[in-house]
């Protein structure tokens, strides 16, 4: 008989190394998002998000390449 197991909560959470690299690199991505926003100040954005959301998305897109 097959036994179905629930996935552990830790398997859904990012690893500790990923979280540490994210915390260390987030200010860099935040600076990049602010600079990008400032350079496109006169142009309307297609999707209006906060710079914090942009930095978070950029970090989550780039950091998997570190692993």
PDB file of N, CA and C in Angstrom:
ATOM      1  N   UNK A   1       0.842  -1.167   0.000  1.00  0.00           N
ATOM      2  CA  UNK A   1       0.000   0.000   0.000  1.00  0.00           C
ATOM      3  C   UNK A   1       0.898   1.245   0.000  1.00  0.00           C
ATOM      4  N   UNK A   2       0.577   2.188  -0.828  1.00  0.00           N
ATOM      5  CA  UNK A   2       1.351   3.415  -0.913  1.00  0.00           C
ATOM      6  C   UNK A   2       0.987   4.345   0.226  1.00  0.00           C
ATOM      7  N   UNK A   3       1.980   4.964   0.779  1.00  0.00           N
ATOM      8  CA  UNK A   3       1.770   5.899   1.874  1.00  0.00           C
ATOM      9  C   UNK A   3       2.042   7.299   1.340  1.00  0.00           C
ATOM     10  N   UNK A   4       1.079   8.160   1.485  1.00  0.00           N
ATOM     11  CA  UNK A   4       1.240   9.551   1.064  1.00  0.00           C
ATOM     12  C   UNK A   4       1.753  10.359   2.237  1.00  0.00           C
ATOM     13  N   UNK A   5       2.798  11.093   1.990  1.00  0.00           N
ATOM     14  CA  UNK A   5       3.371  11.922   3.047  1.00  0.00           C
ATOM     15  C   UNK A   5       3.195  13.374   2.696  1.00  0.00           C
ATOM     16  N   UNK A   6       2.939  14.156   3.715  1.00  0.00           N
ATOM     17  CA  UNK A   6       2.858  15.601   3.519  1.00  0.00           C
ATOM     18  C   UNK A   6       4.272  16.140   3.372  1.00  0.00           C
ATOM     19  N   UNK A   7       4.452  17.104   2.478  1.00  0.00           N
ATOM     20  CA  UNK A   7       5.786  17.700   2.385  1.00  0.00           C
ATOM     21  C   UNK A   7       6.083  18.485   3.657  1.00  0.00           C
ATOM     22  N   UNK A   8       7.320  18.412   4.074  1.00  0.00           N
ATOM     23  CA  UNK A   8       7.705  19.148   5.278  1.00  0.00           C
ATOM     24  C   UNK A   8       7.669  20.642   4.995  1.00  0.00           C
ATOM     25  N   UNK A   9       7.425  21.406   6.029  1.00  0.00           N
ATOM     26  CA  UNK A   9       7.380  22.863   5.870  1.00  0.00           C
ATOM     27  C   UNK A   9       8.735  23.390   5.416  1.00  0.00           C
ATOM     28  N   UNK A  10       9.807  22.750   5.866  1.00  0.00           N
ATOM     29  CA  UNK A  10      11.131  23.226   5.495  1.00  0.00           C
ATOM     30  C   UNK A  10      11.426  23.009   4.011  1.00  0.00           C
ATOM     31  N   UNK A  11      10.763  22.050   3.380  1.00  0.00           N
ATOM     32  CA  UNK A  11      11.017  21.821   1.964  1.00  0.00           C
ATOM     33  C   UNK A  11      10.428  22.931   1.100  1.00  0.00           C
ATOM     34  N   UNK A  12       9.485  23.654   1.637  1.00  0.00           N
ATOM     35  CA  UNK A  12       8.888  24.767   0.882  1.00  0.00           C
ATOM     36  C   UNK A  12       9.603  26.080   1.147  1.00  0.00           C
ATOM     37  N   UNK A  13      10.368  26.152   2.228  1.00  0.00           N
ATOM     38  CA  UNK A  13      11.098  27.367   2.552  1.00  0.00           C
ATOM     39  C   UNK A  13      12.435  27.381   1.836  1.00  0.00           C
ATOM     40  N   UNK A  14      12.895  28.560   1.448  1.00  0.00           N
ATOM     41  CA  UNK A  14      14.231  28.631   0.847  1.00  0.00           C
ATOM     42  C   UNK A  14      15.292  28.228   1.879  1.00  0.00           C
ATOM     43  N   UNK A  15      16.400  27.739   1.399  1.00  0.00           N
ATOM     44  CA  UNK A  15      17.466  27.316   2.297  1.00  0.00           C
ATOM     45  C   UNK A  15      18.056  28.524   3.022  1.00  0.00           C
ATOM     46  N   UNK A  16      18.760  28.230   4.094  1.00  0.00           N
ATOM     47  CA  UNK A  16      19.373  29.288   4.889  1.00  0.00           C
ATOM     48  C   UNK A  16      20.396  30.057   4.056  1.00  0.00           C
ATOM     49  N   UNK A  17      21.159  29.360   3.229  1.00  0.00           N
ATOM     50  CA  UNK A  17      22.153  30.025   2.387  1.00  0.00           C
ATOM     51  C   UNK A  17      21.486  30.996   1.410  1.00  0.00           C
ATOM     52  N   UNK A  18      20.367  30.565   0.835  1.00  0.00           N
ATOM     53  CA  UNK A  18      19.642  31.439  -0.090  1.00  0.00           C
ATOM     54  C   UNK A  18      19.141  32.683   0.628  1.00  0.00           C
ATOM     55  N   UNK A  19      18.603  32.511   1.820  1.00  0.00           N
ATOM     56  CA  UNK A  19      18.088  33.644   2.580  1.00  0.00           C
ATOM     57  C   UNK A  19      19.202  34.613   2.945  1.00  0.00           C
ATOM     58  N   UNK A  20      20.372  34.090   3.322  1.00  0.00           N
ATOM     59  CA  UNK A  20      21.496  34.970   3.671  1.00  0.00           C
ATOM     60  C   UNK A  20      22.004  35.738   2.456  1.00  0.00           C
ATOM     61  N   UNK A  21      22.104  35.055   1.318  1.00  0.00           N
ATOM     62  CA  UNK A  21      22.547  35.745   0.102  1.00  0.00           C
ATOM     63  C   UNK A  21      21.514  36.774  -0.326  1.00  0.00           C
ATOM     64  N   UNK A  22      20.229  36.451  -0.162  1.00  0.00           N
ATOM     65  CA  UNK A  22      19.172  37.403  -0.497  1.00  0.00           C
ATOM     66  C   UNK A  22      19.298  38.652   0.377  1.00  0.00           C
ATOM     67  N   UNK A  23      19.474  38.456   1.684  1.00  0.00           N
ATOM     68  CA  UNK A  23      19.595  39.597   2.594  1.00  0.00           C
ATOM     69  C   UNK A  23      20.837  40.432   2.311  1.00  0.00           C
ATOM     70  N   UNK A  24      21.907  39.775   1.907  1.00  0.00           N
ATOM     71  CA  UNK A  24      23.137  40.512   1.617  1.00  0.00           C
ATOM     72  C   UNK A  24      23.047  41.276   0.298  1.00  0.00           C
ATOM     73  N   UNK A  25      22.328  40.733  -0.683  1.00  0.00           N
ATOM     74  CA  UNK A  25      22.300  41.356  -2.002  1.00  0.00           C
ATOM     75  C   UNK A  25      21.088  42.265  -2.223  1.00  0.00           C
ATOM     76  N   UNK A  26      20.103  42.206  -1.357  1.00  0.00           N
ATOM     77  CA  UNK A  26      18.887  43.008  -1.544  1.00  0.00           C
ATOM     78  C   UNK A  26      19.197  44.508  -1.641  1.00  0.00           C
ATOM     79  N   UNK A  27      20.081  45.054  -0.795  1.00  0.00           N
ATOM     80  CA  UNK A  27      20.377  46.495  -0.957  1.00  0.00           C
ATOM     81  C   UNK A  27      20.919  46.853  -2.332  1.00  0.00           C
ATOM     82  N   UNK A  28      21.694  45.965  -2.934  1.00  0.00           N
ATOM     83  CA  UNK A  28      22.191  46.203  -4.290  1.00  0.00           C
ATOM     84  C   UNK A  28      21.051  46.273  -5.298  1.00  0.00           C
ATOM     85  N   UNK A  29      20.133  45.335  -5.195  1.00  0.00           N
ATOM     86  CA  UNK A  29      18.982  45.321  -6.103  1.00  0.00           C
ATOM     87  C   UNK A  29      18.068  46.518  -5.836  1.00  0.00           C
ATOM     88  N   UNK A  30      17.971  46.936  -4.574  1.00  0.00           N
ATOM     89  CA  UNK A  30      17.168  48.115  -4.244  1.00  0.00           C
ATOM     90  C   UNK A  30      17.784  49.361  -4.865  1.00  0.00           C
ATOM     91  N   UNK A  31      19.102  49.479  -4.779  1.00  0.00           N
ATOM     92  CA  UNK A  31      19.782  50.611  -5.411  1.00  0.00           C
ATOM     93  C   UNK A  31      19.552  50.604  -6.918  1.00  0.00           C
ATOM     94  N   UNK A  32      19.625  49.414  -7.524  1.00  0.00           N
ATOM     95  CA  UNK A  32      19.383  49.307  -8.963  1.00  0.00           C
ATOM     96  C   UNK A  32      17.967  49.691  -9.337  1.00  0.00           C
ATOM     97  N   UNK A  33      17.001  49.298  -8.520  1.00  0.00           N
ATOM     98  CA  UNK A  33      15.602  49.636  -8.807  1.00  0.00           C
ATOM     99  C   UNK A  33      15.373  51.142  -8.686  1.00  0.00           C
ATOM    100  N   UNK A  34      15.992  51.760  -7.681  1.00  0.00           N
ATOM    101  CA  UNK A  34      15.855  53.218  -7.525  1.00  0.00           C
ATOM    102  C   UNK A  34      16.518  53.935  -8.695  1.00  0.00           C
ATOM    103  N   UNK A  35      17.705  53.476  -9.088  1.00  0.00           N
ATOM    104  CA  UNK A  35      18.401  54.106 -10.220  1.00  0.00           C
ATOM    105  C   UNK A  35      17.600  53.947 -11.501  1.00  0.00           C
ATOM    106  N   UNK A  36      17.027  52.774 -11.710  1.00  0.00           N
ATOM    107  CA  UNK A  36      16.206  52.543 -12.902  1.00  0.00           C
ATOM    108  C   UNK A  36      14.980  53.449 -12.888  1.00  0.00           C
ATOM    109  N   UNK A  37      14.376  53.604 -11.723  1.00  0.00           N
ATOM    110  CA  UNK A  37      13.198  54.463 -11.603  1.00  0.00           C
ATOM    111  C   UNK A  37      13.561  55.924 -11.870  1.00  0.00           C
ATOM    112  N   UNK A  38      14.723  56.338 -11.379  1.00  0.00           N
ATOM    113  CA  UNK A  38      15.155  57.728 -11.576  1.00  0.00           C
ATOM    114  C   UNK A  38      15.505  58.001 -13.040  1.00  0.00           C
ATOM    115  N   UNK A  39      16.099  57.015 -13.714  1.00  0.00           N
ATOM    116  CA  UNK A  39      16.488  57.231 -15.108  1.00  0.00           C
ATOM    117  C   UNK A  39      15.277  57.240 -16.040  1.00  0.00           C
ATOM    118  N   UNK A  40      14.196  56.614 -15.628  1.00  0.00           N
ATOM    119  CA  UNK A  40      12.970  56.604 -16.429  1.00  0.00           C
ATOM    120  C   UNK A  40      11.905  57.498 -15.802  1.00  0.00           C
ATOM    121  N   UNK A  41      12.331  58.579 -15.168  1.00  0.00           N
ATOM    122  CA  UNK A  41      11.409  59.437 -14.414  1.00  0.00           C
ATOM    123  C   UNK A  41      10.343  60.067 -15.305  1.00  0.00           C
ATOM    124  N   UNK A  42      10.667  60.417 -16.525  1.00  0.00           N
ATOM    125  CA  UNK A  42       9.704  61.079 -17.393  1.00  0.00           C
ATOM    126  C   UNK A  42       8.757  60.130 -18.106  1.00  0.00           C
ATOM    127  N   UNK A  43       9.096  58.857 -18.137  1.00  0.00           N
ATOM    128  CA  UNK A  43       8.283  57.885 -18.866  1.00  0.00           C
ATOM    129  C   UNK A  43       7.312  57.173 -17.923  1.00  0.00           C
ATOM    130  N   UNK A  44       6.104  56.956 -18.368  1.00  0.00           N
ATOM    131  CA  UNK A  44       5.167  56.204 -17.517  1.00  0.00           C
ATOM    132  C   UNK A  44       5.537  54.724 -17.500  1.00  0.00           C
ATOM    133  N   UNK A  45       5.412  54.109 -16.345  1.00  0.00           N
ATOM    134  CA  UNK A  45       5.729  52.686 -16.212  1.00  0.00           C
ATOM    135  C   UNK A  45       4.542  51.856 -16.690  1.00  0.00           C
ATOM    136  N   UNK A  46       4.848  50.726 -17.308  1.00  0.00           N
ATOM    137  CA  UNK A  46       3.783  49.830 -17.773  1.00  0.00           C
ATOM    138  C   UNK A  46       3.033  49.251 -16.576  1.00  0.00           C
ATOM    139  N   UNK A  47       3.785  48.819 -15.572  1.00  0.00           N
ATOM    140  CA  UNK A  47       3.190  48.295 -14.340  1.00  0.00           C
ATOM    141  C   UNK A  47       3.770  49.091 -13.189  1.00  0.00           C
ATOM    142  N   UNK A  48       2.929  49.696 -12.411  1.00  0.00           N
ATOM    143  CA  UNK A  48       3.385  50.537 -11.320  1.00  0.00           C
ATOM    144  C   UNK A  48       3.504  49.702 -10.046  1.00  0.00           C
ATOM    145  N   UNK A  49       4.748  49.401  -9.644  1.00  0.00           N
ATOM    146  CA  UNK A  49       5.020  48.694  -8.399  1.00  0.00           C
ATOM    147  C   UNK A  49       5.966  49.551  -7.574  1.00  0.00           C
ATOM    148  N   UNK A  50       6.060  49.254  -6.311  1.00  0.00           N
ATOM    149  CA  UNK A  50       7.004  49.986  -5.475  1.00  0.00           C
ATOM    150  C   UNK A  50       8.429  49.550  -5.825  1.00  0.00           C
ATOM    151  N   UNK A  51       9.393  50.391  -5.489  1.00  0.00           N
ATOM    152  CA  UNK A  51      10.785  50.037  -5.759  1.00  0.00           C
ATOM    153  C   UNK A  51      11.194  48.826  -4.926  1.00  0.00           C
ATOM    154  N   UNK A  52      10.572  48.655  -3.762  1.00  0.00           N
ATOM    155  CA  UNK A  52      10.880  47.502  -2.915  1.00  0.00           C
ATOM    156  C   UNK A  52      10.404  46.206  -3.574  1.00  0.00           C
ATOM    157  N   UNK A  53       9.227  46.245  -4.187  1.00  0.00           N
ATOM    158  CA  UNK A  53       8.714  45.065  -4.884  1.00  0.00           C
ATOM    159  C   UNK A  53       9.568  44.754  -6.111  1.00  0.00           C
ATOM    160  N   UNK A  54      10.007  45.785  -6.813  1.00  0.00           N
ATOM    161  CA  UNK A  54      10.872  45.570  -7.973  1.00  0.00           C
ATOM    162  C   UNK A  54      12.197  44.957  -7.557  1.00  0.00           C
ATOM    163  N   UNK A  55      12.785  45.468  -6.472  1.00  0.00           N
ATOM    164  CA  UNK A  55      14.062  44.949  -5.996  1.00  0.00           C
ATOM    165  C   UNK A  55      13.919  43.504  -5.538  1.00  0.00           C
ATOM    166  N   UNK A  56      12.829  43.203  -4.864  1.00  0.00           N
ATOM    167  CA  UNK A  56      12.592  41.836  -4.394  1.00  0.00           C
ATOM    168  C   UNK A  56      12.441  40.885  -5.582  1.00  0.00           C
ATOM    169  N   UNK A  57      11.683  41.292  -6.584  1.00  0.00           N
ATOM    170  CA  UNK A  57      11.495  40.458  -7.765  1.00  0.00           C
ATOM    171  C   UNK A  57      12.814  40.254  -8.507  1.00  0.00           C
ATOM    172  N   UNK A  58      13.590  41.314  -8.656  1.00  0.00           N
ATOM    173  CA  UNK A  58      14.884  41.202  -9.337  1.00  0.00           C
ATOM    174  C   UNK A  58      15.812  40.250  -8.590  1.00  0.00           C
ATOM    175  N   UNK A  59      15.827  40.351  -7.271  1.00  0.00           N
ATOM    176  CA  UNK A  59      16.690  39.474  -6.474  1.00  0.00           C
ATOM    177  C   UNK A  59      16.255  38.022  -6.609  1.00  0.00           C
ATOM    178  N   UNK A  60      14.955  37.773  -6.555  1.00  0.00           N
ATOM    179  CA  UNK A  60      14.462  36.402  -6.672  1.00  0.00           C
ATOM    180  C   UNK A  60      14.685  35.836  -8.077  1.00  0.00           C
ATOM    181  N   UNK A  61      14.767  36.693  -9.078  1.00  0.00           N
ATOM    182  CA  UNK A  61      15.027  36.211 -10.433  1.00  0.00           C
ATOM    183  C   UNK A  61      16.512  35.932 -10.640  1.00  0.00           C
ATOM    184  N   UNK A  62      17.390  36.685 -10.016  1.00  0.00           N
ATOM    185  CA  UNK A  62      18.824  36.562 -10.271  1.00  0.00           C
ATOM    186  C   UNK A  62      19.523  35.574  -9.338  1.00  0.00           C
ATOM    187  N   UNK A  63      19.081  35.469  -8.101  1.00  0.00           N
ATOM    188  CA  UNK A  63      19.807  34.647  -7.141  1.00  0.00           C
ATOM    189  C   UNK A  63      19.818  33.152  -7.426  1.00  0.00           C
ATOM    190  N   UNK A  64      18.815  32.564  -8.033  1.00  0.00           N
ATOM    191  CA  UNK A  64      18.934  31.126  -8.325  1.00  0.00           C
ATOM    192  C   UNK A  64      20.139  30.785  -9.194  1.00  0.00           C
ATOM    193  N   UNK A  65      20.644  31.739  -9.960  1.00  0.00           N
ATOM    194  CA  UNK A  65      21.816  31.483 -10.781  1.00  0.00           C
ATOM    195  C   UNK A  65      23.071  31.335  -9.922  1.00  0.00           C
ATOM    196  N   UNK A  66      23.040  31.818  -8.680  1.00  0.00           N
ATOM    197  CA  UNK A  66      24.184  31.658  -7.773  1.00  0.00           C
ATOM    198  C   UNK A  66      24.314  30.214  -7.314  1.00  0.00           C
ATOM    199  N   UNK A  67      23.219  29.474  -7.411  1.00  0.00           N
ATOM    200  CA  UNK A  67      23.254  28.081  -6.971  1.00  0.00           C
ATOM    201  C   UNK A  67      23.339  27.194  -8.181  1.00  0.00           C
TER     202      UNK A  67
END
